[in-house]
């Protein structure tokens, strides 16, 4: 069973946004992911978002590599995730 607790039990969105920014910067695409776009894409699979960013910005990012980097960057920030009261 998979449980999505973001937005119900915990607020991990700030950590996810920072992780996205780091992962994209590592792959030469820093600064393209604005916070409003990030929130509009919330909940979608990472690889799908990379494909959309490639189309939108005429990039050639490898979805698997960016997804791996994003996951690693998020895990570094896991301690910043807070409970929702």
PDB file of N, CA and C in Angstrom:
ATOM      1  N   UNK A   1       0.831  -1.156   0.000  1.00  0.00           N
ATOM      2  CA  UNK A   1       0.000   0.000   0.000  1.00  0.00           C
ATOM      3  C   UNK A   1       0.894   1.243   0.000  1.00  0.00           C
ATOM      4  N   UNK A   2       0.532   2.205  -0.818  1.00  0.00           N
ATOM      5  CA  UNK A   2       1.249   3.477  -0.887  1.00  0.00           C
ATOM      6  C   UNK A   2       0.335   4.559  -0.317  1.00  0.00           C
ATOM      7  N   UNK A   3       0.881   5.339   0.590  1.00  0.00           N
ATOM      8  CA  UNK A   3       0.099   6.409   1.210  1.00  0.00           C
ATOM      9  C   UNK A   3       0.763   7.744   0.890  1.00  0.00           C
ATOM     10  N   UNK A   4       0.005   8.642   0.295  1.00  0.00           N
ATOM     11  CA  UNK A   4       0.491   9.991   0.009  1.00  0.00           C
ATOM     12  C   UNK A   4       0.058  10.890   1.159  1.00  0.00           C
ATOM     13  N   UNK A   5       1.005  11.252   2.014  1.00  0.00           N
ATOM     14  CA  UNK A   5       0.657  12.047   3.197  1.00  0.00           C
ATOM     15  C   UNK A   5       1.020  13.519   3.037  1.00  0.00           C
ATOM     16  N   UNK A   6       1.572  13.903   1.884  1.00  0.00           N
ATOM     17  CA  UNK A   6       1.944  15.301   1.700  1.00  0.00           C
ATOM     18  C   UNK A   6       0.689  16.149   1.554  1.00  0.00           C
ATOM     19  N   UNK A   7       0.622  17.174   2.346  1.00  0.00           N
ATOM     20  CA  UNK A   7      -0.534  18.054   2.313  1.00  0.00           C
ATOM     21  C   UNK A   7      -1.631  17.642   3.277  1.00  0.00           C
ATOM     22  N   UNK A   8      -1.532  16.428   3.822  1.00  0.00           N
ATOM     23  CA  UNK A   8      -2.512  15.979   4.807  1.00  0.00           C
ATOM     24  C   UNK A   8      -1.865  15.807   6.174  1.00  0.00           C
ATOM     25  N   UNK A   9      -0.739  15.124   6.213  1.00  0.00           N
ATOM     26  CA  UNK A   9      -0.032  14.900   7.475  1.00  0.00           C
ATOM     27  C   UNK A   9       1.264  15.698   7.573  1.00  0.00           C
ATOM     28  N   UNK A  10       1.931  15.892   6.443  1.00  0.00           N
ATOM     29  CA  UNK A  10       3.201  16.617   6.437  1.00  0.00           C
ATOM     30  C   UNK A  10       3.231  17.641   5.308  1.00  0.00           C
ATOM     31  N   UNK A  11       4.074  18.649   5.497  1.00  0.00           N
ATOM     32  CA  UNK A  11       4.301  19.653   4.454  1.00  0.00           C
ATOM     33  C   UNK A  11       5.716  19.462   3.924  1.00  0.00           C
ATOM     34  N   UNK A  12       5.819  18.708   2.851  1.00  0.00           N
ATOM     35  CA  UNK A  12       7.134  18.449   2.266  1.00  0.00           C
ATOM     36  C   UNK A  12       7.379  19.259   0.995  1.00  0.00           C
ATOM     37  N   UNK A  13       6.413  20.077   0.609  1.00  0.00           N
ATOM     38  CA  UNK A  13       6.547  20.812  -0.644  1.00  0.00           C
ATOM     39  C   UNK A  13       7.764  21.739  -0.684  1.00  0.00           C
ATOM     40  N   UNK A  14       8.086  22.473   0.375  1.00  0.00           N
ATOM     41  CA  UNK A  14       9.299  23.296   0.310  1.00  0.00           C
ATOM     42  C   UNK A  14      10.554  22.458   0.059  1.00  0.00           C
ATOM     43  N   UNK A  15      10.651  21.302   0.700  1.00  0.00           N
ATOM     44  CA  UNK A  15      11.813  20.426   0.493  1.00  0.00           C
ATOM     45  C   UNK A  15      11.837  19.891  -0.931  1.00  0.00           C
ATOM     46  N   UNK A  16      10.667  19.561  -1.474  1.00  0.00           N
ATOM     47  CA  UNK A  16      10.603  19.084  -2.859  1.00  0.00           C
ATOM     48  C   UNK A  16      11.029  20.184  -3.830  1.00  0.00           C
ATOM     49  N   UNK A  17      10.571  21.409  -3.596  1.00  0.00           N
ATOM     50  CA  UNK A  17      10.941  22.509  -4.489  1.00  0.00           C
ATOM     51  C   UNK A  17      12.447  22.744  -4.478  1.00  0.00           C
ATOM     52  N   UNK A  18      13.039  22.774  -3.300  1.00  0.00           N
ATOM     53  CA  UNK A  18      14.493  22.949  -3.202  1.00  0.00           C
ATOM     54  C   UNK A  18      15.225  21.797  -3.884  1.00  0.00           C
ATOM     55  N   UNK A  19      14.703  20.592  -3.736  1.00  0.00           N
ATOM     56  CA  UNK A  19      15.324  19.426  -4.373  1.00  0.00           C
ATOM     57  C   UNK A  19      15.250  19.532  -5.893  1.00  0.00           C
ATOM     58  N   UNK A  20      14.107  19.983  -6.399  1.00  0.00           N
ATOM     59  CA  UNK A  20      13.981  20.191  -7.838  1.00  0.00           C
ATOM     60  C   UNK A  20      15.009  21.216  -8.324  1.00  0.00           C
ATOM     61  N   UNK A  21      15.114  22.310  -7.624  1.00  0.00           N
ATOM     62  CA  UNK A  21      16.055  23.359  -8.033  1.00  0.00           C
ATOM     63  C   UNK A  21      17.481  22.831  -8.066  1.00  0.00           C
ATOM     64  N   UNK A  22      17.862  22.059  -7.053  1.00  0.00           N
ATOM     65  CA  UNK A  22      19.208  21.485  -7.014  1.00  0.00           C
ATOM     66  C   UNK A  22      19.422  20.495  -8.155  1.00  0.00           C
ATOM     67  N   UNK A  23      18.470  19.611  -8.364  1.00  0.00           N
ATOM     68  CA  UNK A  23      18.615  18.588  -9.405  1.00  0.00           C
ATOM     69  C   UNK A  23      18.714  19.218 -10.790  1.00  0.00           C
ATOM     70  N   UNK A  24      17.882  20.202 -11.050  1.00  0.00           N
ATOM     71  CA  UNK A  24      17.931  20.858 -12.356  1.00  0.00           C
ATOM     72  C   UNK A  24      19.238  21.624 -12.538  1.00  0.00           C
ATOM     73  N   UNK A  25      19.709  22.282 -11.498  1.00  0.00           N
ATOM     74  CA  UNK A  25      20.982  23.004 -11.586  1.00  0.00           C
ATOM     75  C   UNK A  25      22.134  22.045 -11.873  1.00  0.00           C
ATOM     76  N   UNK A  26      22.104  20.875 -11.248  1.00  0.00           N
ATOM     77  CA  UNK A  26      23.155  19.876 -11.490  1.00  0.00           C
ATOM     78  C   UNK A  26      23.191  19.420 -12.943  1.00  0.00           C
ATOM     79  N   UNK A  27      22.067  19.562 -13.624  1.00  0.00           N
ATOM     80  CA  UNK A  27      21.976  19.127 -15.016  1.00  0.00           C
ATOM     81  C   UNK A  27      21.931  20.303 -15.992  1.00  0.00           C
ATOM     82  N   UNK A  28      22.395  21.467 -15.528  1.00  0.00           N
ATOM     83  CA  UNK A  28      22.535  22.617 -16.417  1.00  0.00           C
ATOM     84  C   UNK A  28      21.254  23.369 -16.704  1.00  0.00           C
ATOM     85  N   UNK A  29      20.224  23.149 -15.891  1.00  0.00           N
ATOM     86  CA  UNK A  29      18.948  23.811 -16.136  1.00  0.00           C
ATOM     87  C   UNK A  29      18.487  24.596 -14.908  1.00  0.00           C
ATOM     88  N   UNK A  30      19.428  25.147 -14.181  1.00  0.00           N
ATOM     89  CA  UNK A  30      19.085  25.913 -12.984  1.00  0.00           C
ATOM     90  C   UNK A  30      18.280  27.148 -13.315  1.00  0.00           C
ATOM     91  N   UNK A  31      17.343  27.469 -12.459  1.00  0.00           N
ATOM     92  CA  UNK A  31      16.561  28.686 -12.603  1.00  0.00           C
ATOM     93  C   UNK A  31      15.345  28.593 -13.493  1.00  0.00           C
ATOM     94  N   UNK A  32      15.117  27.438 -14.135  1.00  0.00           N
ATOM     95  CA  UNK A  32      13.969  27.361 -15.048  1.00  0.00           C
ATOM     96  C   UNK A  32      12.669  27.014 -14.339  1.00  0.00           C
ATOM     97  N   UNK A  33      12.768  26.372 -13.177  1.00  0.00           N
ATOM     98  CA  UNK A  33      11.574  25.874 -12.495  1.00  0.00           C
ATOM     99  C   UNK A  33      11.123  26.902 -11.469  1.00  0.00           C
ATOM    100  N   UNK A  34      10.130  27.675 -11.823  1.00  0.00           N
ATOM    101  CA  UNK A  34       9.594  28.699 -10.926  1.00  0.00           C
ATOM    102  C   UNK A  34       8.611  28.055  -9.949  1.00  0.00           C
ATOM    103  N   UNK A  35       8.477  28.673  -8.788  1.00  0.00           N
ATOM    104  CA  UNK A  35       7.661  28.083  -7.720  1.00  0.00           C
ATOM    105  C   UNK A  35       6.200  27.896  -8.129  1.00  0.00           C
ATOM    106  N   UNK A  36       5.628  28.834  -8.870  1.00  0.00           N
ATOM    107  CA  UNK A  36       4.229  28.684  -9.274  1.00  0.00           C
ATOM    108  C   UNK A  36       4.047  27.508 -10.227  1.00  0.00           C
ATOM    109  N   UNK A  37       5.020  27.298 -11.112  1.00  0.00           N
ATOM    110  CA  UNK A  37       4.971  26.150 -12.026  1.00  0.00           C
ATOM    111  C   UNK A  37       5.122  24.858 -11.233  1.00  0.00           C
ATOM    112  N   UNK A  38       6.037  24.861 -10.271  1.00  0.00           N
ATOM    113  CA  UNK A  38       6.235  23.697  -9.413  1.00  0.00           C
ATOM    114  C   UNK A  38       4.934  23.299  -8.725  1.00  0.00           C
ATOM    115  N   UNK A  39       4.246  24.259  -8.117  1.00  0.00           N
ATOM    116  CA  UNK A  39       3.006  23.933  -7.408  1.00  0.00           C
ATOM    117  C   UNK A  39       1.913  23.472  -8.370  1.00  0.00           C
ATOM    118  N   UNK A  40       1.896  24.016  -9.572  1.00  0.00           N
ATOM    119  CA  UNK A  40       0.905  23.580 -10.559  1.00  0.00           C
ATOM    120  C   UNK A  40       1.134  22.133 -10.987  1.00  0.00           C
ATOM    121  N   UNK A  41       2.380  21.680 -10.923  1.00  0.00           N
ATOM    122  CA  UNK A  41       2.715  20.313 -11.328  1.00  0.00           C
ATOM    123  C   UNK A  41       2.765  19.350 -10.145  1.00  0.00           C
ATOM    124  N   UNK A  42       2.469  19.830  -8.953  1.00  0.00           N
ATOM    125  CA  UNK A  42       2.548  19.004  -7.752  1.00  0.00           C
ATOM    126  C   UNK A  42       1.765  17.706  -7.875  1.00  0.00           C
ATOM    127  N   UNK A  43       2.367  16.635  -7.405  1.00  0.00           N
ATOM    128  CA  UNK A  43       1.719  15.332  -7.419  1.00  0.00           C
ATOM    129  C   UNK A  43       1.981  14.502  -8.655  1.00  0.00           C
ATOM    130  N   UNK A  44       2.574  15.102  -9.663  1.00  0.00           N
ATOM    131  CA  UNK A  44       2.872  14.361 -10.894  1.00  0.00           C
ATOM    132  C   UNK A  44       4.198  13.637 -10.758  1.00  0.00           C
ATOM    133  N   UNK A  45       4.356  12.531 -11.487  1.00  0.00           N
ATOM    134  CA  UNK A  45       5.636  11.809 -11.441  1.00  0.00           C
ATOM    135  C   UNK A  45       6.797  12.682 -11.930  1.00  0.00           C
ATOM    136  N   UNK A  46       7.923  12.548 -11.270  1.00  0.00           N
ATOM    137  CA  UNK A  46       9.111  13.340 -11.586  1.00  0.00           C
ATOM    138  C   UNK A  46       9.494  13.214 -13.052  1.00  0.00           C
ATOM    139  N   UNK A  47       9.523  11.997 -13.558  1.00  0.00           N
ATOM    140  CA  UNK A  47       9.933  11.786 -14.949  1.00  0.00           C
ATOM    141  C   UNK A  47       9.008  12.522 -15.922  1.00  0.00           C
ATOM    142  N   UNK A  48       7.710  12.511 -15.642  1.00  0.00           N
ATOM    143  CA  UNK A  48       6.759  13.220 -16.499  1.00  0.00           C
ATOM    144  C   UNK A  48       7.021  14.725 -16.487  1.00  0.00           C
ATOM    145  N   UNK A  49       7.366  15.249 -15.332  1.00  0.00           N
ATOM    146  CA  UNK A  49       7.666  16.680 -15.229  1.00  0.00           C
ATOM    147  C   UNK A  49       8.913  17.022 -16.036  1.00  0.00           C
ATOM    148  N   UNK A  50       9.924  16.159 -15.981  1.00  0.00           N
ATOM    149  CA  UNK A  50      11.150  16.396 -16.757  1.00  0.00           C
ATOM    150  C   UNK A  50      10.832  16.407 -18.250  1.00  0.00           C
ATOM    151  N   UNK A  51      10.009  15.475 -18.700  1.00  0.00           N
ATOM    152  CA  UNK A  51       9.617  15.435 -20.115  1.00  0.00           C
ATOM    153  C   UNK A  51       8.921  16.742 -20.499  1.00  0.00           C
ATOM    154  N   UNK A  52       8.033  17.223 -19.646  1.00  0.00           N
ATOM    155  CA  UNK A  52       7.336  18.477 -19.930  1.00  0.00           C
ATOM    156  C   UNK A  52       8.300  19.666 -19.940  1.00  0.00           C
ATOM    157  N   UNK A  53       9.237  19.691 -18.992  1.00  0.00           N
ATOM    158  CA  UNK A  53      10.235  20.766 -18.983  1.00  0.00           C
ATOM    159  C   UNK A  53      11.091  20.721 -20.248  1.00  0.00           C
ATOM    160  N   UNK A  54      11.444  19.524 -20.695  1.00  0.00           N
ATOM    161  CA  UNK A  54      12.197  19.385 -21.945  1.00  0.00           C
ATOM    162  C   UNK A  54      11.431  20.011 -23.103  1.00  0.00           C
ATOM    163  N   UNK A  55      10.143  19.707 -23.190  1.00  0.00           N
ATOM    164  CA  UNK A  55       9.315  20.251 -24.268  1.00  0.00           C
ATOM    165  C   UNK A  55       9.170  21.768 -24.152  1.00  0.00           C
ATOM    166  N   UNK A  56       8.903  22.232 -22.944  1.00  0.00           N
ATOM    167  CA  UNK A  56       8.648  23.657 -22.712  1.00  0.00           C
ATOM    168  C   UNK A  56       9.875  24.531 -22.974  1.00  0.00           C
ATOM    169  N   UNK A  57      11.053  24.038 -22.580  1.00  0.00           N
ATOM    170  CA  UNK A  57      12.270  24.850 -22.650  1.00  0.00           C
ATOM    171  C   UNK A  57      13.275  24.349 -23.687  1.00  0.00           C
ATOM    172  N   UNK A  58      12.836  23.430 -24.537  1.00  0.00           N
ATOM    173  CA  UNK A  58      13.693  22.876 -25.588  1.00  0.00           C
ATOM    174  C   UNK A  58      14.998  22.316 -25.005  1.00  0.00           C
ATOM    175  N   UNK A  59      14.847  21.498 -23.962  1.00  0.00           N
ATOM    176  CA  UNK A  59      15.985  20.881 -23.282  1.00  0.00           C
ATOM    177  C   UNK A  59      16.102  19.410 -23.674  1.00  0.00           C
ATOM    178  N   UNK A  60      17.187  18.802 -23.236  1.00  0.00           N
ATOM    179  CA  UNK A  60      17.407  17.371 -23.461  1.00  0.00           C
ATOM    180  C   UNK A  60      17.823  16.695 -22.152  1.00  0.00           C
ATOM    181  N   UNK A  61      17.116  17.015 -21.099  1.00  0.00           N
ATOM    182  CA  UNK A  61      17.419  16.422 -19.804  1.00  0.00           C
ATOM    183  C   UNK A  61      17.019  14.952 -19.807  1.00  0.00           C
ATOM    184  N   UNK A  62      17.841  14.122 -19.201  1.00  0.00           N
ATOM    185  CA  UNK A  62      17.532  12.702 -19.069  1.00  0.00           C
ATOM    186  C   UNK A  62      16.577  12.540 -17.882  1.00  0.00           C
ATOM    187  N   UNK A  63      15.332  12.128 -18.129  1.00  0.00           N
ATOM    188  CA  UNK A  63      14.363  12.012 -17.036  1.00  0.00           C
ATOM    189  C   UNK A  63      14.824  11.103 -15.901  1.00  0.00           C
ATOM    190  N   UNK A  64      15.492  10.012 -16.221  1.00  0.00           N
ATOM    191  CA  UNK A  64      15.953   9.091 -15.177  1.00  0.00           C
ATOM    192  C   UNK A  64      17.036   9.732 -14.312  1.00  0.00           C
ATOM    193  N   UNK A  65      17.984  10.394 -14.945  1.00  0.00           N
ATOM    194  CA  UNK A  65      19.081  11.018 -14.198  1.00  0.00           C
ATOM    195  C   UNK A  65      18.588  12.177 -13.336  1.00  0.00           C
ATOM    196  N   UNK A  66      17.700  12.981 -13.883  1.00  0.00           N
ATOM    197  CA  UNK A  66      17.166  14.100 -13.106  1.00  0.00           C
ATOM    198  C   UNK A  66      16.317  13.573 -11.951  1.00  0.00           C
ATOM    199  N   UNK A  67      15.525  12.539 -12.203  1.00  0.00           N
ATOM    200  CA  UNK A  67      14.701  11.952 -11.141  1.00  0.00           C
ATOM    201  C   UNK A  67      15.574  11.413 -10.014  1.00  0.00           C
ATOM    202  N   UNK A  68      16.678  10.760 -10.367  1.00  0.00           N
ATOM    203  CA  UNK A  68      17.587  10.235  -9.349  1.00  0.00           C
ATOM    204  C   UNK A  68      18.190  11.382  -8.539  1.00  0.00           C
ATOM    205  N   UNK A  69      18.649  12.422  -9.234  1.00  0.00           N
ATOM    206  CA  UNK A  69      19.251  13.573  -8.552  1.00  0.00           C
ATOM    207  C   UNK A  69      18.230  14.276  -7.662  1.00  0.00           C
ATOM    208  N   UNK A  70      16.998  14.369  -8.139  1.00  0.00           N
ATOM    209  CA  UNK A  70      15.948  15.023  -7.352  1.00  0.00           C
ATOM    210  C   UNK A  70      15.659  14.223  -6.091  1.00  0.00           C
ATOM    211  N   UNK A  71      15.593  12.903  -6.219  1.00  0.00           N
ATOM    212  CA  UNK A  71      15.343  12.054  -5.045  1.00  0.00           C
ATOM    213  C   UNK A  71      16.470  12.203  -4.020  1.00  0.00           C
ATOM    214  N   UNK A  72      17.708  12.170  -4.496  1.00  0.00           N
ATOM    215  CA  UNK A  72      18.849  12.325  -3.589  1.00  0.00           C
ATOM    216  C   UNK A  72      18.816  13.689  -2.897  1.00  0.00           C
ATOM    217  N   UNK A  73      18.495  14.725  -3.651  1.00  0.00           N
ATOM    218  CA  UNK A  73      18.431  16.072  -3.078  1.00  0.00           C
ATOM    219  C   UNK A  73      17.301  16.171  -2.052  1.00  0.00           C
ATOM    220  N   UNK A  74      16.176  15.518  -2.337  1.00  0.00           N
ATOM    221  CA  UNK A  74      15.068  15.529  -1.377  1.00  0.00           C
ATOM    222  C   UNK A  74      15.450  14.799  -0.096  1.00  0.00           C
ATOM    223  N   UNK A  75      16.085  13.646  -0.230  1.00  0.00           N
ATOM    224  CA  UNK A  75      16.456  12.873   0.953  1.00  0.00           C
ATOM    225  C   UNK A  75      17.409  13.651   1.859  1.00  0.00           C
ATOM    226  N   UNK A  76      18.245  14.505   1.272  1.00  0.00           N
ATOM    227  CA  UNK A  76      19.125  15.358   2.083  1.00  0.00           C
ATOM    228  C   UNK A  76      18.327  16.363   2.909  1.00  0.00           C
ATOM    229  N   UNK A  77      17.122  16.660   2.464  1.00  0.00           N
ATOM    230  CA  UNK A  77      16.289  17.672   3.116  1.00  0.00           C
ATOM    231  C   UNK A  77      15.153  17.067   3.946  1.00  0.00           C
ATOM    232  N   UNK A  78      15.108  15.769   4.058  1.00  0.00           N
ATOM    233  CA  UNK A  78      13.981  15.106   4.721  1.00  0.00           C
ATOM    234  C   UNK A  78      13.769  15.627   6.143  1.00  0.00           C
ATOM    235  N   UNK A  79      14.828  16.038   6.801  1.00  0.00           N
ATOM    236  CA  UNK A  79      14.692  16.534   8.181  1.00  0.00           C
ATOM    237  C   UNK A  79      13.979  17.884   8.250  1.00  0.00           C
ATOM    238  N   UNK A  80      13.804  18.552   7.108  1.00  0.00           N
ATOM    239  CA  UNK A  80      13.114  19.844   7.104  1.00  0.00           C
ATOM    240  C   UNK A  80      11.606  19.698   6.926  1.00  0.00           C
ATOM    241  N   UNK A  81      11.151  18.493   6.623  1.00  0.00           N
ATOM    242  CA  UNK A  81       9.722  18.241   6.432  1.00  0.00           C
ATOM    243  C   UNK A  81       9.018  18.374   7.785  1.00  0.00           C
ATOM    244  N   UNK A  82       7.920  19.109   7.788  1.00  0.00           N
ATOM    245  CA  UNK A  82       7.215  19.370   9.042  1.00  0.00           C
ATOM    246  C   UNK A  82       5.818  18.757   9.041  1.00  0.00           C
ATOM    247  N   UNK A  83       5.338  18.458  10.229  1.00  0.00           N
ATOM    248  CA  UNK A  83       3.974  17.965  10.394  1.00  0.00           C
ATOM    249  C   UNK A  83       2.990  19.110  10.227  1.00  0.00           C
ATOM    250  N   UNK A  84       1.833  18.791   9.690  1.00  0.00           N
ATOM    251  CA  UNK A  84       0.755  19.771   9.595  1.00  0.00           C
ATOM    252  C   UNK A  84      -0.090  19.649  10.854  1.00  0.00           C
ATOM    253  N   UNK A  85      -0.344  20.779  11.492  1.00  0.00           N
ATOM    254  CA  UNK A  85      -1.157  20.769  12.727  1.00  0.00           C
ATOM    255  C   UNK A  85      -2.624  20.607  12.414  1.00  0.00           C
TER     256      UNK A  85
END
